[in-house]
Structures are given as structure tokens and as C-alpha cells.
Amino acid sequence: MTTSKLLEIVIKMKQLSKIESLLFLVGGVLMVVGTGLYAFFIQQSVACWLMLCGSILFVIMQMRQKYLGESITIRRLRKIMCIANIGFILAGLFMIENSYCLLKPLFVKYIGDYTNYVTIFRNNWVVLLLISAVIEVYTTHRISYELNKENNA
């Protein structure tokens, strides 16, 4: 690949600075560590906060990397990636709710049904995280493929 082709790729996708790239990596690692600790019942009250902080950091840095080209496909994939990002943050919030039961009094007092609370919040962070991860992997690979296809044409 020639230097001009590489320059075109850099121009079309705004690259993160070294500090932003490091924060992006730290956010991803915090998400994985927080989820792993939470799933294996190790310090769940702390692990859920690690997951939430990591997902927020990951999402912020990912949104800073903008697409500056004109491909409708890549723009659509970036919008789909936003759904995964929302899912990551919601998974962290559901973990916190699962650990601390902050909304439980509201459901029991005003709705009067503990089963609705359990149905909505109990361990559904796993579903959100799984769906978000699948969407993230799909969009990441498709964006990479589309950028290569666009630059080779």
C-alpha cells in the first residue's frame, strides 16, 4: 500500500491521539476485568463500577474517532455501533442494579410486584453485554472491510 493510500485512510477515519488510544485501551480492559470479576462473584460491589467506568471510557473514545468520508455504508455501521455502545453502558448500569438493588423499593412500593423487578433487572446485564459485543465485533470488522474496499477502488 502506498503512502498516499495510507494518508487517505487516515483522512477518512479521524485517528485517536496516543493518550486517547491509551484511554480507549484502558476502558476496554476495565470492561473485561469488571465483567470477569462480576461473573465469577469476586468483589461484585466493586466490579460493577469498574465495568461501568470502563464502558463509559470505551464509548467516549470510540465516539471521538469519527468517519470523515462519504460512504453511506460506513456511516450506517457507525450508527449501529452506537447501539452497541448504549448496550455496554446499560449492561454496566444493570450490573450496579443487580448488586445494590437501588430501584427495588420503587418497584415493590409503587408497582407492587417483585416479579416484574426480577424479570427486568435480575442478571439481564448478561444479555445486554452479549448482544452489544456481537454488534461491536460485526461493525468493527465490516467497517475495516469497507475502508479497505473503498481505498482499493
Foldseek 3Di string as FASTA:
>chain_A
DDPVLVVVLCVQKPDDDPVLVVLLVLLVVLLVQLVVCCVVVHPLLVSLVSQLVSLVSNVVSVVVTDGRDDDPVLVVLVVLLVLLSVLSNVLSVLSNCQVPVPCQVVCCPPVVDNVVVCVPRPPCSVVSNVVSVVSNVVSVVVNVVVSVVVSVD
